[in-house]
Amino acid sequence: EEKALAAPAHGRASSLLGRLFNAKLSNPFRRQNGFLVIDIGSSSVKLAEVHHGPSGPRLTALGTTPLPPTVIQSNVIQDEGPVVEAIRRLMASTGAQVKQAITAVPGPAVIVKKVILPAQAGSAVEAAVLAEAGQLIPDSLDNVNLDYQVIDWIEAGNKMEVLVVAVKRDIINSYTETIRAAGLDPVLCDVDYFALENMFELNYDLPEGRPVALVNVGARYSSINILKDGRSTFTGDVPVGGAEFTDALTRQLGVSPEHAETLKLGRPAGGVDVAAAEAVLGSVTEFIVEEIQRALSFFWTAATDEPLGGVFLSGGTARAVGLSNELKQRLDCPVEVADPFRRIALGSGVDRELIEANGPALAVTVGLATRRPGDK
């Protein structure tokens, strides 16, 4: 019934959930001068206005604003009011004018599977994927949005490797309906795993033959995408993130969440000195590193003898004191905090101080900026 084939966002990275959701949301081919990225996370909304030219995407507006911690529950926007207000506030403060919007759903909400199927073409591919998806997805296909992409041909072209992605419709709808309520027109929905991949490939040259782990440490979870030879070989997530620091400070030191945010920046607050906060922060850093290491060990080193060639950290917690150094020691490979803005053009109105302060936290936002309404 539904055509579900998407193509690389800018030549190499697989960005799924494109044409299918375009068809369901609005007409993606209407000409428009630019589009918006609306990146709705568990702790904040990020907005970017993007224009594409011969040299790639160019940001002309950029902003971020916090969200209450209870707005998103179980990967669904439960209370759209604060999100709608945040989007409208960002539109006003950044001066963004365009209405077509691209967004993403969180990785933990998505089922990602690779399957091997007999080589086929045309509508037969779709039929084979739907038949296989019925066995892979623990829900009725009537309740999910499904997309797929053929990523490789194997056994002398007699078989094909297919990446299948599925997400419940109520999750997708909670994001698109919220964006509509803010007066915008959602035209494409991606997954944060693949947006992270697009951000990396926009800004970095892939090391030939060496697997690289992209780890985005968000507020409530950390997403992982392992790339090998320009292809995503594993995606997953760990249920730990930057909120662990705030929770630990408030629980162990009795400070308010607002004072905890100040302590995380290395400044005294709420009658607590920096030394006391550092002891708590250090234990949380060790816990997060252990969880990330365990996930990488289980999903990568347990499946192959090949060592990781490096790790690129992003997310709001990527710069946490000691995080990259501790992870480097545990994994015995280079660990670098990613710079999502290395190779992206910025308009004169973009706040450079915002980028300096929050660059790694905007990795998914930049990855979404590589997409275009009408990608297929």
Protein backbone atom coordinates (compact mmCIF):
# COMPACT_ATOMS: atom_id res chain seq x y z
CA GLU A 1 0.00 0.00 0.00
CA GLU A 2 2.76 2.46 0.91
CA LYS A 3 5.94 3.19 -0.99
CA ALA A 4 8.74 3.31 1.55
CA LEU A 5 12.03 3.95 -0.20
CA ALA A 6 14.38 6.73 0.86
CA ALA A 7 17.76 7.80 -0.50
CA PRO A 8 20.97 9.23 0.93
CA ALA A 9 20.59 12.75 2.26
CA HIS A 10 23.76 14.12 0.69
CA GLY A 11 25.33 11.32 -1.27
CA ARG A 12 26.55 8.80 1.26
CA ALA A 13 24.62 8.56 4.52
CA SER A 14 21.38 6.61 4.65
CA SER A 15 18.60 8.88 5.94
CA LEU A 16 15.42 6.93 6.12
CA LEU A 17 11.79 7.79 6.84
CA GLY A 18 11.79 10.29 4.01
CA ARG A 19 9.45 9.81 1.07
CA LEU A 20 6.91 7.81 3.06
CA PHE A 21 6.41 10.55 5.60
CA ASN A 22 6.55 13.27 2.96
CA ALA A 23 3.61 11.63 1.24
CA LYS A 24 1.64 11.52 4.45
CA LEU A 25 2.42 15.02 5.67
CA SER A 26 2.24 17.46 2.78
CA ASN A 27 3.45 18.25 -0.70
CA PRO A 28 7.28 18.27 -0.46
CA PHE A 29 7.78 19.57 -3.99
CA ARG A 30 6.19 22.99 -3.49
CA ARG A 31 8.92 25.55 -4.16
CA GLN A 32 10.03 27.43 -1.09
CA ASN A 33 13.03 29.50 -0.14
CA GLY A 34 14.54 27.37 2.61
CA PHE A 35 13.10 25.22 5.35
CA LEU A 36 13.16 24.80 9.11
CA VAL A 37 14.73 22.14 11.28
CA ILE A 38 12.71 21.55 14.44
CA ASP A 39 14.75 19.26 16.71
CA ILE A 40 12.55 18.36 19.70
CA GLY A 41 14.52 16.73 22.49
CA SER A 42 13.59 15.65 25.99
CA SER A 43 15.09 18.80 27.53
CA SER A 44 15.01 21.44 24.78
CA VAL A 45 13.85 22.48 21.33
CA LYS A 46 16.43 23.50 18.72
CA LEU A 47 15.47 25.43 15.61
CA ALA A 48 17.49 26.18 12.48
CA GLU A 49 16.54 27.89 9.25
CA VAL A 50 18.39 26.28 6.33
CA HIS A 51 18.98 27.17 2.69
CA HIS A 52 20.67 24.78 0.24
CA GLY A 53 23.02 25.90 -2.50
CA PRO A 54 25.76 24.43 -4.69
CA SER A 55 28.16 24.33 -1.73
CA GLY A 56 25.70 22.62 0.62
CA PRO A 57 23.47 23.72 3.48
CA ARG A 58 23.69 27.23 4.91
CA LEU A 59 22.17 28.17 8.26
CA THR A 60 20.55 31.60 8.41
CA ALA A 61 18.92 31.29 11.84
CA LEU A 62 19.64 29.17 14.89
CA GLY A 63 18.22 29.01 18.40
CA THR A 64 17.50 26.74 21.34
CA THR A 65 15.20 26.95 24.34
CA PRO A 66 14.58 24.58 27.27
CA LEU A 67 11.56 22.35 27.80
CA PRO A 68 10.00 21.09 31.05
CA PRO A 69 11.31 17.58 31.81
CA THR A 70 7.84 15.97 31.73
CA VAL A 71 6.82 17.07 28.22
CA ILE A 72 8.11 13.91 26.50
CA GLN A 73 7.32 10.56 28.09
CA SER A 74 7.97 7.14 26.53
CA ASN A 75 9.18 8.88 23.35
CA VAL A 76 5.81 10.60 22.85
CA ILE A 77 5.09 14.33 23.22
CA GLN A 78 2.49 14.11 25.99
CA ASP A 79 1.99 17.85 26.46
CA GLU A 80 2.25 19.78 23.21
CA GLY A 81 1.54 23.20 24.75
CA PRO A 82 5.07 23.94 26.06
CA VAL A 83 6.60 22.64 22.80
CA VAL A 84 4.33 24.82 20.65
CA GLU A 85 5.18 27.84 22.77
CA ALA A 86 8.91 27.03 22.55
CA ILE A 87 8.76 26.80 18.75
CA ARG A 88 6.88 30.08 18.46
CA ARG A 89 9.33 31.75 20.83
CA LEU A 90 12.28 30.54 18.75
CA MET A 91 10.64 31.69 15.52
CA ALA A 92 10.25 35.17 17.00
CA SER A 93 13.71 35.40 18.57
CA THR A 94 15.62 34.11 15.54
CA GLY A 95 13.58 35.87 12.88
CA ALA A 96 12.99 32.60 11.00
CA GLN A 97 10.36 33.03 8.29
CA VAL A 98 9.89 29.76 6.42
CA LYS A 99 7.13 27.31 7.28
CA GLN A 100 8.14 23.91 5.92
CA ALA A 101 9.74 21.88 8.70
CA ILE A 102 11.92 18.79 9.02
CA THR A 103 12.05 16.96 12.35
CA ALA A 104 13.24 13.68 13.87
CA VAL A 105 11.94 11.04 16.23
CA PRO A 106 14.16 9.65 19.00
CA GLY A 107 16.14 6.51 18.27
CA PRO A 108 14.72 4.51 21.21
CA ALA A 109 11.27 4.85 19.59
CA VAL A 110 12.43 3.20 16.38
CA ILE A 111 12.93 -0.42 15.32
CA VAL A 112 15.95 -0.75 13.02
CA LYS A 113 16.66 -4.15 11.43
CA LYS A 114 18.88 -5.44 8.65
CA VAL A 115 17.54 -8.30 6.58
CA ILE A 116 18.91 -10.38 3.70
CA LEU A 117 16.44 -11.01 0.90
CA PRO A 118 16.64 -12.57 -2.57
CA ALA A 119 17.56 -9.99 -5.20
CA GLN A 120 14.42 -8.35 -6.56
CA ALA A 121 13.37 -5.13 -8.21
CA GLY A 122 10.44 -2.73 -8.37
CA SER A 123 7.30 -3.50 -6.41
CA ALA A 124 8.60 -6.98 -5.56
CA VAL A 125 11.13 -5.40 -3.18
CA GLU A 126 8.37 -3.63 -1.28
CA ALA A 127 6.28 -6.79 -1.07
CA ALA A 128 9.25 -8.79 0.24
CA VAL A 129 10.08 -6.13 2.83
CA LEU A 130 6.50 -5.96 4.06
CA ALA A 131 6.36 -9.73 4.38
CA GLU A 132 9.63 -9.77 6.34
CA ALA A 133 8.58 -6.79 8.48
CA GLY A 134 5.50 -8.69 9.59
CA GLN A 135 7.84 -11.19 11.25
CA LEU A 136 10.25 -8.60 12.68
CA ILE A 137 7.93 -6.00 14.17
CA PRO A 138 6.01 -6.88 17.36
CA ASP A 139 2.96 -4.86 16.32
CA SER A 140 0.44 -4.74 13.54
CA LEU A 141 1.82 -3.06 10.44
CA ASP A 142 -1.37 -0.99 10.44
CA ASN A 143 -0.06 0.77 13.56
CA VAL A 144 3.41 1.66 12.29
CA ASN A 145 5.09 3.79 9.68
CA LEU A 146 7.54 1.62 7.78
CA ASP A 147 10.47 2.58 5.58
CA TYR A 148 13.35 0.66 4.03
CA GLN A 149 16.45 1.05 1.90
CA VAL A 150 18.53 -1.46 -0.05
CA ILE A 151 22.05 -0.84 1.25
CA ASP A 152 24.09 -3.57 -0.43
CA TRP A 153 24.06 -6.38 -2.97
CA ILE A 154 25.78 -9.57 -1.88
CA GLU A 155 26.54 -13.08 -3.17
CA ALA A 156 27.34 -11.80 -6.67
CA GLY A 157 24.18 -9.76 -6.71
CA ASN A 158 21.88 -12.69 -5.97
CA LYS A 159 20.85 -11.27 -2.60
CA MET A 160 20.30 -7.81 -1.18
CA GLU A 161 20.86 -6.38 2.26
CA VAL A 162 17.97 -4.16 3.30
CA LEU A 163 17.71 -1.75 6.21
CA VAL A 164 14.17 -1.72 7.60
CA VAL A 165 12.96 1.05 9.91
CA ALA A 166 9.62 1.18 11.71
CA VAL A 167 8.03 3.49 14.28
CA LYS A 168 4.57 3.59 15.79
CA ARG A 169 2.20 6.04 14.17
CA ASP A 170 1.21 7.65 17.49
CA ILE A 171 4.85 8.60 18.09
CA ILE A 172 5.24 10.15 14.64
CA ASN A 173 1.89 11.92 14.99
CA SER A 174 2.80 13.45 18.35
CA TYR A 175 5.71 15.26 16.69
CA THR A 176 4.03 16.26 13.44
CA GLU A 177 0.81 17.41 15.10
CA THR A 178 2.78 19.54 17.57
CA ILE A 179 4.65 21.18 14.70
CA ARG A 180 1.36 21.86 12.91
CA ALA A 181 -0.08 23.37 16.09
CA ALA A 182 2.83 25.84 16.02
CA GLY A 183 1.67 27.00 12.57
CA LEU A 184 4.32 25.09 10.59
CA ASP A 185 4.11 22.48 7.85
CA PRO A 186 5.96 19.20 8.66
CA VAL A 187 7.26 17.69 5.42
CA LEU A 188 9.87 15.13 6.45
CA CYS A 189 10.61 13.05 9.55
CA ASP A 190 14.00 11.42 10.14
CA VAL A 191 15.58 9.43 12.99
CA ASP A 192 18.21 10.97 15.24
CA TYR A 193 20.59 8.03 14.60
CA PHE A 194 20.75 8.85 10.90
CA ALA A 195 20.80 12.61 11.43
CA LEU A 196 23.89 12.08 13.58
CA GLU A 197 25.48 10.11 10.74
CA ASN A 198 24.73 12.89 8.25
CA MET A 199 26.25 15.48 10.59
CA PHE A 200 29.44 13.44 10.79
CA GLU A 201 29.76 12.85 7.06
CA LEU A 202 29.14 16.53 6.35
CA ASN A 203 32.00 17.59 8.63
CA TYR A 204 34.53 14.76 8.66
CA ASP A 205 36.31 12.49 6.20
CA LEU A 206 35.54 8.87 6.92
CA PRO A 207 38.68 6.91 7.92
CA GLU A 208 38.99 4.21 5.28
CA GLY A 209 38.56 0.74 6.67
CA ARG A 210 38.33 1.88 10.30
CA PRO A 211 35.05 1.66 12.22
CA VAL A 212 34.00 4.84 14.02
CA ALA A 213 31.44 5.12 16.81
CA LEU A 214 29.25 8.22 16.96
CA VAL A 215 27.92 8.68 20.50
CA ASN A 216 25.42 11.44 21.18
CA VAL A 217 24.97 11.94 24.93
CA GLY A 218 21.56 13.57 25.30
CA ALA A 219 19.60 14.48 28.39
CA ARG A 220 17.93 11.12 29.03
CA TYR A 221 19.64 8.68 26.68
CA SER A 222 22.78 8.29 24.59
CA SER A 223 22.43 7.22 20.96
CA ILE A 224 25.12 5.18 19.20
CA ASN A 225 25.77 4.77 15.48
CA ILE A 226 28.81 2.74 14.37
CA LEU A 227 30.06 3.46 10.85
CA LYS A 228 32.27 1.16 8.79
CA ASP A 229 33.35 1.92 5.20
CA GLY A 230 30.81 4.72 4.93
CA ARG A 231 27.91 2.58 6.14
CA SER A 232 26.01 2.36 9.39
CA THR A 233 26.64 -1.11 10.80
CA PHE A 234 24.94 -0.72 14.19
CA THR A 235 22.52 1.67 15.86
CA GLY A 236 21.40 1.54 19.46
CA ASP A 237 21.01 3.54 22.62
CA VAL A 238 21.88 3.56 26.30
CA PRO A 239 19.36 4.91 28.85
CA VAL A 240 21.81 7.35 30.47
CA GLY A 241 22.51 11.00 29.72
CA GLY A 242 23.22 14.43 31.06
CA ALA A 243 20.20 14.45 33.33
CA GLU A 244 22.09 11.94 35.48
CA PHE A 245 24.35 14.80 36.63
CA THR A 246 21.44 17.03 37.62
CA ASP A 247 19.58 14.19 39.34
CA ALA A 248 22.67 13.18 41.33
CA LEU A 249 23.43 16.74 42.44
CA THR A 250 19.88 17.40 43.60
CA ARG A 251 19.61 14.02 45.33
CA GLN A 252 23.01 13.92 47.04
CA LEU A 253 23.60 17.61 47.78
CA GLY A 254 20.02 18.78 48.23
CA VAL A 255 20.24 21.63 45.73
CA SER A 256 17.55 22.78 43.31
CA PRO A 257 17.71 21.75 39.64
CA GLU A 258 18.59 25.37 38.78
CA HIS A 259 21.53 25.35 41.22
CA ALA A 260 22.56 21.93 39.89
CA GLU A 261 22.88 23.40 36.38
CA THR A 262 25.22 26.08 37.75
CA LEU A 263 27.30 23.51 39.65
CA LYS A 264 27.66 21.46 36.46
CA LEU A 265 29.39 24.48 34.92
CA GLY A 266 31.98 24.52 37.69
CA ARG A 267 30.54 27.41 39.70
CA PRO A 268 29.33 27.33 43.34
CA ALA A 269 25.58 27.52 43.90
CA GLY A 270 22.99 26.82 46.57
CA GLY A 271 25.57 26.91 49.34
CA VAL A 272 27.58 24.10 47.75
CA ASP A 273 31.20 24.61 46.75
CA VAL A 274 32.80 23.37 43.56
CA ALA A 275 34.83 20.63 45.28
CA ALA A 276 31.72 18.96 46.70
CA ALA A 277 30.02 19.08 43.32
CA GLU A 278 33.08 17.66 41.53
CA ALA A 279 33.00 14.54 43.68
CA VAL A 280 29.40 13.87 42.66
CA LEU A 281 30.01 14.76 39.01
CA GLY A 282 33.03 12.47 38.85
CA SER A 283 31.04 9.45 40.00
CA VAL A 284 28.31 10.18 37.45
CA THR A 285 30.87 10.52 34.67
CA GLU A 286 32.29 7.12 35.57
CA PHE A 287 28.80 5.61 35.52
CA ILE A 288 27.97 7.06 32.08
CA VAL A 289 31.31 5.90 30.67
CA GLU A 290 30.73 2.39 32.01
CA GLU A 291 27.31 2.21 30.35
CA ILE A 292 28.61 3.46 27.00
CA GLN A 293 31.59 1.10 27.15
CA ARG A 294 29.32 -1.83 28.00
CA ALA A 295 27.06 -1.07 25.04
CA LEU A 296 29.97 -0.70 22.61
CA SER A 297 31.59 -3.88 23.92
CA PHE A 298 28.38 -5.86 23.66
CA PHE A 299 27.26 -4.67 20.24
CA TRP A 300 30.64 -4.28 18.53
CA THR A 301 33.64 -5.98 20.06
CA ALA A 302 31.54 -9.03 21.01
CA ALA A 303 30.55 -9.42 17.36
CA THR A 304 33.93 -8.80 15.74
CA ASP A 305 37.62 -8.88 16.54
CA GLU A 306 38.11 -5.53 14.83
CA PRO A 307 38.85 -2.67 17.26
CA LEU A 308 37.13 0.68 17.01
CA GLY A 309 39.17 3.26 15.17
CA GLY A 310 37.77 6.13 17.20
CA VAL A 311 34.78 7.65 18.97
CA PHE A 312 33.17 11.03 18.26
CA LEU A 313 31.13 12.43 21.14
CA SER A 314 28.28 14.88 20.72
CA GLY A 315 25.26 15.99 22.73
CA GLY A 316 24.89 18.45 25.55
CA THR A 317 27.07 16.37 27.88
CA ALA A 318 29.90 15.68 25.44
CA ARG A 319 32.12 18.30 27.07
CA ALA A 320 31.55 17.06 30.63
CA VAL A 321 34.82 17.15 32.55
CA GLY A 322 36.65 13.85 32.28
CA LEU A 323 34.09 12.16 30.01
CA SER A 324 36.20 11.95 26.83
CA ASN A 325 39.43 11.13 28.68
CA GLU A 326 37.78 8.39 30.74
CA LEU A 327 36.15 6.89 27.65
CA LYS A 328 39.48 7.00 25.80
CA GLN A 329 41.19 5.04 28.55
CA ARG A 330 38.39 2.48 28.78
CA LEU A 331 38.11 1.88 25.03
CA ASP A 332 41.82 2.28 24.20
CA CYS A 333 41.08 4.33 21.09
CA PRO A 334 40.97 8.04 20.18
CA VAL A 335 37.96 9.93 21.52
CA GLU A 336 37.08 13.36 20.17
CA VAL A 337 34.27 15.83 20.85
CA ALA A 338 32.63 16.42 17.47
CA ASP A 339 32.29 19.88 15.97
CA PRO A 340 29.01 19.90 13.97
CA PHE A 341 29.84 23.29 12.44
CA ARG A 342 33.27 22.57 10.89
CA ARG A 343 32.06 22.64 7.28
CA ILE A 344 28.67 24.28 7.32
CA ALA A 345 28.11 27.83 6.12
CA LEU A 346 26.62 30.32 8.57
CA GLY A 347 24.62 33.41 7.78
CA SER A 348 25.49 36.74 9.36
CA GLY A 349 22.52 36.53 11.71
CA VAL A 350 23.51 33.24 13.32
CA ASP A 351 24.59 33.59 16.94
CA ARG A 352 28.24 32.46 17.06
CA GLU A 353 28.26 32.55 20.85
CA LEU A 354 25.39 30.06 20.89
CA ILE A 355 27.44 27.72 18.71
CA GLU A 356 30.52 28.17 20.87
CA ALA A 357 28.55 27.36 24.02
CA ASN A 358 26.32 24.59 22.66
CA GLY A 359 27.95 23.26 19.48
CA PRO A 360 28.05 19.52 20.35
CA ALA A 361 24.45 19.68 21.59
CA LEU A 362 23.36 20.75 18.09
CA ALA A 363 24.75 17.68 16.27
CA VAL A 364 21.34 16.21 15.41
CA THR A 365 20.08 19.65 14.38
CA VAL A 366 22.93 20.04 11.89
CA GLY A 367 22.38 16.50 10.62
CA LEU A 368 18.74 17.30 9.92
CA ALA A 369 19.89 20.42 8.07
CA THR A 370 21.50 18.19 5.44
CA ARG A 371 18.06 16.89 4.48
CA ARG A 372 15.75 18.59 1.97
CA PRO A 373 12.00 18.46 1.58
CA GLY A 374 11.49 16.08 -1.31
CA ASP A 375 14.45 13.78 -0.50
CA LYS A 376 13.70 10.40 -1.99
